[in-house]
Amino acid sequence: MAWTERTPAGSVDKDWRVTATSWDGLTIACAVYGGRLYTSADGGASWTERQPAGNANKNWQSLAMSGNGQVLIAGNTLRLYISINAGVTWSEINPFGDSSDHSWIGVGMNYS
């Protein structure tokens, strides 16, 4: 098996913090600390920038994906976001109400 370098944000160095994949490895999500979130539906051959928090760089720290790649949850130093359509649209979720006192450094999801 050979490794292939993928460049979701173009040919630039980034502080990649988190990644998640579907059970078959074809759907991938990754996020940059101090940057953007990206998804791929073809094993990393092509990428789409996603904007869970709008058109802004964020300090992404956590990311999880369902086994089929349709549900994603992403957390940054202030907020938590969920997508149920592979990252096309996002909703902010507030488990603790409208508070910025939490840093989402870990999230998880059951793959079944």
N, C-alpha and C. Protein backbone atom coordinates (compact mmCIF):
# COMPACT_ATOMS: atom_id res chain seq x y z
N MET A 1 0.84 -1.18 0.00
CA MET A 1 0.00 0.00 0.00
C MET A 1 0.89 1.24 0.00
N ALA A 2 0.58 2.17 -0.84
CA ALA A 2 1.34 3.42 -0.93
C ALA A 2 0.56 4.56 -0.29
N TRP A 3 1.28 5.51 0.25
CA TRP A 3 0.69 6.69 0.85
C TRP A 3 0.65 7.81 -0.18
N THR A 4 -0.42 8.62 -0.11
CA THR A 4 -0.57 9.76 -1.00
C THR A 4 -0.81 11.00 -0.15
N GLU A 5 -0.02 12.04 -0.38
CA GLU A 5 -0.24 13.29 0.33
C GLU A 5 -1.48 13.97 -0.22
N ARG A 6 -2.32 14.47 0.68
CA ARG A 6 -3.52 15.22 0.30
C ARG A 6 -3.39 16.64 0.82
N THR A 7 -3.93 17.58 0.08
CA THR A 7 -3.81 18.99 0.45
C THR A 7 -5.18 19.68 0.43
N PRO A 8 -5.97 19.48 1.49
CA PRO A 8 -7.31 20.09 1.52
C PRO A 8 -7.30 21.60 1.37
N ALA A 9 -6.30 22.26 1.93
CA ALA A 9 -6.25 23.73 1.91
C ALA A 9 -5.24 24.24 0.91
N GLY A 10 -4.88 23.42 -0.06
CA GLY A 10 -3.86 23.83 -1.02
C GLY A 10 -2.47 23.47 -0.51
N SER A 11 -1.49 23.82 -1.25
CA SER A 11 -0.12 23.44 -0.92
C SER A 11 0.50 24.42 0.07
N VAL A 12 -0.01 24.42 1.29
CA VAL A 12 0.49 25.29 2.35
C VAL A 12 0.53 24.50 3.66
N ASP A 13 1.43 24.88 4.54
CA ASP A 13 1.50 24.24 5.85
C ASP A 13 0.39 24.78 6.74
N LYS A 14 -0.28 23.87 7.44
CA LYS A 14 -1.36 24.24 8.36
C LYS A 14 -1.19 23.46 9.65
N ASP A 15 -1.83 23.92 10.69
CA ASP A 15 -1.83 23.25 11.98
C ASP A 15 -3.05 22.33 12.05
N TRP A 16 -2.96 21.18 11.35
CA TRP A 16 -4.07 20.23 11.31
C TRP A 16 -4.22 19.61 12.69
N ARG A 17 -5.40 19.76 13.28
CA ARG A 17 -5.62 19.26 14.64
C ARG A 17 -6.47 18.01 14.70
N VAL A 18 -7.50 17.94 13.86
CA VAL A 18 -8.46 16.84 14.00
C VAL A 18 -8.87 16.28 12.65
N THR A 19 -9.13 14.98 12.62
CA THR A 19 -9.64 14.32 11.43
C THR A 19 -10.68 13.29 11.84
N ALA A 20 -11.53 12.93 10.90
CA ALA A 20 -12.52 11.88 11.11
C ALA A 20 -12.81 11.24 9.76
N THR A 21 -13.13 9.95 9.77
CA THR A 21 -13.44 9.25 8.52
C THR A 21 -14.68 8.39 8.68
N SER A 22 -15.31 8.11 7.55
CA SER A 22 -16.41 7.15 7.52
C SER A 22 -15.83 5.75 7.64
N TRP A 23 -16.69 4.77 7.82
CA TRP A 23 -16.21 3.40 8.00
C TRP A 23 -15.44 2.88 6.80
N ASP A 24 -15.75 3.34 5.59
CA ASP A 24 -15.06 2.86 4.39
C ASP A 24 -13.88 3.74 3.99
N GLY A 25 -13.65 4.84 4.70
CA GLY A 25 -12.53 5.72 4.43
C GLY A 25 -12.71 6.67 3.26
N LEU A 26 -13.86 6.64 2.60
CA LEU A 26 -14.08 7.52 1.46
C LEU A 26 -14.49 8.93 1.86
N THR A 27 -15.23 9.04 2.96
CA THR A 27 -15.63 10.36 3.45
C THR A 27 -14.67 10.75 4.56
N ILE A 28 -14.05 11.91 4.40
CA ILE A 28 -13.04 12.38 5.34
C ILE A 28 -13.38 13.82 5.73
N ALA A 29 -13.15 14.15 6.97
CA ALA A 29 -13.26 15.54 7.43
C ALA A 29 -11.98 15.86 8.20
N CYS A 30 -11.50 17.07 8.05
CA CYS A 30 -10.33 17.51 8.81
C CYS A 30 -10.46 19.00 9.07
N ALA A 31 -9.78 19.45 10.11
CA ALA A 31 -9.90 20.85 10.50
C ALA A 31 -8.57 21.40 10.99
N VAL A 32 -8.40 22.68 10.78
CA VAL A 32 -7.18 23.40 11.13
C VAL A 32 -7.42 24.22 12.40
N TYR A 33 -6.48 24.16 13.32
CA TYR A 33 -6.51 25.04 14.48
C TYR A 33 -6.15 26.44 14.00
N GLY A 34 -7.05 27.38 14.19
CA GLY A 34 -6.85 28.72 13.67
C GLY A 34 -7.19 28.82 12.19
N GLY A 35 -8.07 27.94 11.72
CA GLY A 35 -8.39 27.92 10.30
C GLY A 35 -9.77 27.37 10.00
N ARG A 36 -9.84 26.57 8.96
CA ARG A 36 -11.11 26.11 8.41
C ARG A 36 -11.30 24.60 8.56
N LEU A 37 -12.49 24.15 8.21
CA LEU A 37 -12.86 22.75 8.22
C LEU A 37 -13.12 22.32 6.78
N TYR A 38 -12.68 21.10 6.41
CA TYR A 38 -12.79 20.61 5.05
C TYR A 38 -13.34 19.20 5.05
N THR A 39 -14.10 18.86 3.97
CA THR A 39 -14.58 17.49 3.80
C THR A 39 -14.23 17.00 2.40
N SER A 40 -14.13 15.67 2.31
CA SER A 40 -13.91 15.01 1.03
C SER A 40 -14.85 13.81 0.96
N ALA A 41 -15.47 13.59 -0.18
CA ALA A 41 -16.36 12.44 -0.36
C ALA A 41 -15.74 11.38 -1.26
N ASP A 42 -14.47 11.59 -1.66
CA ASP A 42 -13.82 10.66 -2.58
C ASP A 42 -12.43 10.23 -2.10
N GLY A 43 -12.33 10.01 -0.80
CA GLY A 43 -11.08 9.53 -0.25
C GLY A 43 -9.95 10.54 -0.25
N GLY A 44 -10.26 11.80 -0.38
CA GLY A 44 -9.26 12.86 -0.33
C GLY A 44 -8.78 13.36 -1.68
N ALA A 45 -9.34 12.85 -2.77
CA ALA A 45 -8.94 13.33 -4.10
C ALA A 45 -9.36 14.78 -4.32
N SER A 46 -10.53 15.16 -3.80
CA SER A 46 -11.00 16.54 -3.89
C SER A 46 -11.58 16.95 -2.54
N TRP A 47 -11.56 18.25 -2.26
CA TRP A 47 -11.96 18.77 -0.95
C TRP A 47 -12.90 19.96 -1.10
N THR A 48 -13.77 20.13 -0.09
CA THR A 48 -14.68 21.26 -0.03
C THR A 48 -14.52 21.93 1.33
N GLU A 49 -14.31 23.24 1.32
CA GLU A 49 -14.27 23.98 2.58
C GLU A 49 -15.69 24.08 3.13
N ARG A 50 -15.83 23.78 4.40
CA ARG A 50 -17.12 23.91 5.09
C ARG A 50 -17.03 25.04 6.10
N GLN A 51 -18.17 25.65 6.41
CA GLN A 51 -18.18 26.79 7.31
C GLN A 51 -19.19 26.60 8.44
N PRO A 52 -18.90 25.71 9.37
CA PRO A 52 -19.83 25.50 10.48
C PRO A 52 -20.11 26.78 11.26
N ALA A 53 -19.10 27.62 11.40
CA ALA A 53 -19.21 28.85 12.19
C ALA A 53 -19.23 30.09 11.31
N GLY A 54 -19.63 29.93 10.07
CA GLY A 54 -19.63 31.07 9.15
C GLY A 54 -18.28 31.25 8.50
N ASN A 55 -18.12 32.33 7.78
CA ASN A 55 -16.91 32.60 7.03
C ASN A 55 -15.83 33.17 7.96
N ALA A 56 -15.29 32.29 8.82
CA ALA A 56 -14.31 32.73 9.81
C ALA A 56 -13.37 31.59 10.18
N ASN A 57 -12.13 31.93 10.45
CA ASN A 57 -11.19 30.96 10.99
C ASN A 57 -11.53 30.70 12.45
N LYS A 58 -11.43 29.44 12.85
CA LYS A 58 -11.72 29.05 14.23
C LYS A 58 -10.64 28.12 14.73
N ASN A 59 -10.56 27.96 16.04
CA ASN A 59 -9.60 27.04 16.65
C ASN A 59 -10.26 25.67 16.83
N TRP A 60 -10.35 24.92 15.73
CA TRP A 60 -11.00 23.61 15.77
C TRP A 60 -10.18 22.64 16.59
N GLN A 61 -10.85 21.95 17.54
CA GLN A 61 -10.18 21.05 18.46
C GLN A 61 -10.78 19.66 18.49
N SER A 62 -11.97 19.48 17.97
CA SER A 62 -12.59 18.16 18.03
C SER A 62 -13.47 17.93 16.81
N LEU A 63 -13.56 16.65 16.42
CA LEU A 63 -14.32 16.30 15.22
C LEU A 63 -14.67 14.82 15.29
N ALA A 64 -15.90 14.48 14.97
CA ALA A 64 -16.32 13.09 14.90
C ALA A 64 -17.28 12.93 13.73
N MET A 65 -17.35 11.71 13.19
CA MET A 65 -18.19 11.43 12.03
C MET A 65 -18.89 10.09 12.22
N SER A 66 -20.12 10.01 11.73
CA SER A 66 -20.85 8.74 11.76
C SER A 66 -20.22 7.77 10.76
N GLY A 67 -20.54 6.51 10.90
CA GLY A 67 -19.98 5.48 10.04
C GLY A 67 -20.25 5.70 8.57
N ASN A 68 -21.42 6.25 8.23
CA ASN A 68 -21.75 6.48 6.82
C ASN A 68 -21.30 7.86 6.32
N GLY A 69 -20.69 8.66 7.18
CA GLY A 69 -20.17 9.96 6.78
C GLY A 69 -21.19 11.08 6.71
N GLN A 70 -22.42 10.82 7.09
CA GLN A 70 -23.46 11.84 6.96
C GLN A 70 -23.56 12.79 8.15
N VAL A 71 -23.26 12.31 9.34
CA VAL A 71 -23.38 13.13 10.53
C VAL A 71 -21.99 13.51 11.02
N LEU A 72 -21.77 14.80 11.21
CA LEU A 72 -20.51 15.30 11.74
C LEU A 72 -20.78 16.19 12.93
N ILE A 73 -19.87 16.14 13.88
CA ILE A 73 -19.93 17.06 15.01
C ILE A 73 -18.53 17.66 15.15
N ALA A 74 -18.46 18.98 15.28
CA ALA A 74 -17.17 19.68 15.34
C ALA A 74 -17.21 20.69 16.48
N GLY A 75 -16.10 20.76 17.19
CA GLY A 75 -16.02 21.70 18.30
C GLY A 75 -14.78 22.56 18.20
N ASN A 76 -14.94 23.82 18.60
CA ASN A 76 -13.79 24.71 18.67
C ASN A 76 -13.65 25.20 20.10
N THR A 77 -12.84 26.20 20.31
CA THR A 77 -12.59 26.65 21.67
C THR A 77 -13.80 27.33 22.31
N LEU A 78 -14.85 27.58 21.54
CA LEU A 78 -16.02 28.25 22.10
C LEU A 78 -17.34 27.53 21.86
N ARG A 79 -17.51 26.89 20.72
CA ARG A 79 -18.82 26.38 20.33
C ARG A 79 -18.76 24.97 19.78
N LEU A 80 -19.95 24.35 19.66
CA LEU A 80 -20.12 23.00 19.14
C LEU A 80 -21.13 23.07 18.00
N TYR A 81 -20.83 22.35 16.90
CA TYR A 81 -21.68 22.39 15.70
C TYR A 81 -21.96 20.97 15.22
N ILE A 82 -23.14 20.78 14.60
CA ILE A 82 -23.52 19.48 14.07
C ILE A 82 -24.05 19.64 12.64
N SER A 83 -23.75 18.66 11.82
CA SER A 83 -24.28 18.59 10.45
C SER A 83 -24.86 17.20 10.26
N ILE A 84 -26.03 17.12 9.63
CA ILE A 84 -26.64 15.81 9.35
C ILE A 84 -26.65 15.51 7.86
N ASN A 85 -25.92 16.34 7.07
CA ASN A 85 -25.86 16.12 5.61
C ASN A 85 -24.43 16.23 5.10
N ALA A 86 -23.52 15.56 5.78
CA ALA A 86 -22.11 15.46 5.37
C ALA A 86 -21.40 16.81 5.32
N GLY A 87 -21.83 17.75 6.12
CA GLY A 87 -21.15 19.03 6.22
C GLY A 87 -21.68 20.13 5.34
N VAL A 88 -22.75 19.87 4.59
CA VAL A 88 -23.31 20.90 3.71
C VAL A 88 -23.89 22.04 4.53
N THR A 89 -24.72 21.72 5.51
CA THR A 89 -25.27 22.75 6.40
C THR A 89 -24.96 22.35 7.84
N TRP A 90 -24.90 23.35 8.72
CA TRP A 90 -24.52 23.16 10.11
C TRP A 90 -25.46 23.90 11.03
N SER A 91 -25.60 23.37 12.24
CA SER A 91 -26.36 24.03 13.30
C SER A 91 -25.49 24.09 14.54
N GLU A 92 -25.51 25.23 15.20
CA GLU A 92 -24.81 25.33 16.48
C GLU A 92 -25.65 24.66 17.53
N ILE A 93 -25.02 23.85 18.37
CA ILE A 93 -25.75 23.22 19.47
C ILE A 93 -25.14 23.72 20.78
N ASN A 94 -25.99 23.89 21.76
CA ASN A 94 -25.58 24.49 23.03
C ASN A 94 -25.98 23.60 24.20
N PRO A 95 -25.22 22.54 24.47
CA PRO A 95 -25.58 21.67 25.59
C PRO A 95 -25.63 22.38 26.94
N PHE A 96 -24.85 23.47 27.09
CA PHE A 96 -24.81 24.22 28.33
C PHE A 96 -25.45 25.59 28.21
N GLY A 97 -26.32 25.77 27.23
CA GLY A 97 -26.93 27.07 27.00
C GLY A 97 -25.97 27.97 26.24
N ASP A 98 -26.28 29.22 26.17
CA ASP A 98 -25.47 30.17 25.41
C ASP A 98 -24.27 30.61 26.24
N SER A 99 -23.33 29.70 26.41
CA SER A 99 -22.15 29.96 27.23
C SER A 99 -20.89 29.79 26.41
N SER A 100 -19.93 30.65 26.63
CA SER A 100 -18.63 30.54 25.97
C SER A 100 -17.56 30.07 26.96
N ASP A 101 -18.00 29.45 28.04
CA ASP A 101 -17.08 29.02 29.09
C ASP A 101 -16.56 27.60 28.86
N HIS A 102 -16.80 27.03 27.70
CA HIS A 102 -16.41 25.65 27.45
C HIS A 102 -15.48 25.57 26.25
N SER A 103 -14.52 24.67 26.33
CA SER A 103 -13.61 24.41 25.22
C SER A 103 -13.81 22.96 24.81
N TRP A 104 -14.30 22.75 23.61
CA TRP A 104 -14.66 21.42 23.13
C TRP A 104 -13.42 20.72 22.59
N ILE A 105 -12.68 20.08 23.48
CA ILE A 105 -11.44 19.42 23.08
C ILE A 105 -11.63 17.95 22.72
N GLY A 106 -12.84 17.45 22.86
CA GLY A 106 -13.11 16.07 22.49
C GLY A 106 -14.58 15.83 22.29
N VAL A 107 -14.93 15.15 21.21
CA VAL A 107 -16.29 14.72 20.94
C VAL A 107 -16.21 13.30 20.40
N GLY A 108 -17.30 12.58 20.47
CA GLY A 108 -17.31 11.22 19.96
C GLY A 108 -18.64 10.89 19.34
N MET A 109 -18.67 9.78 18.62
CA MET A 109 -19.89 9.35 17.97
C MET A 109 -19.86 7.83 17.81
N ASN A 110 -21.01 7.21 18.01
CA ASN A 110 -21.12 5.77 17.81
C ASN A 110 -21.23 5.50 16.31
N TYR A 111 -20.39 4.64 15.79
CA TYR A 111 -20.36 4.38 14.35
C TYR A 111 -21.46 3.46 13.86
N SER A 112 -22.24 2.88 14.73
CA SER A 112 -23.28 1.95 14.26
C SER A 112 -24.54 2.66 13.84
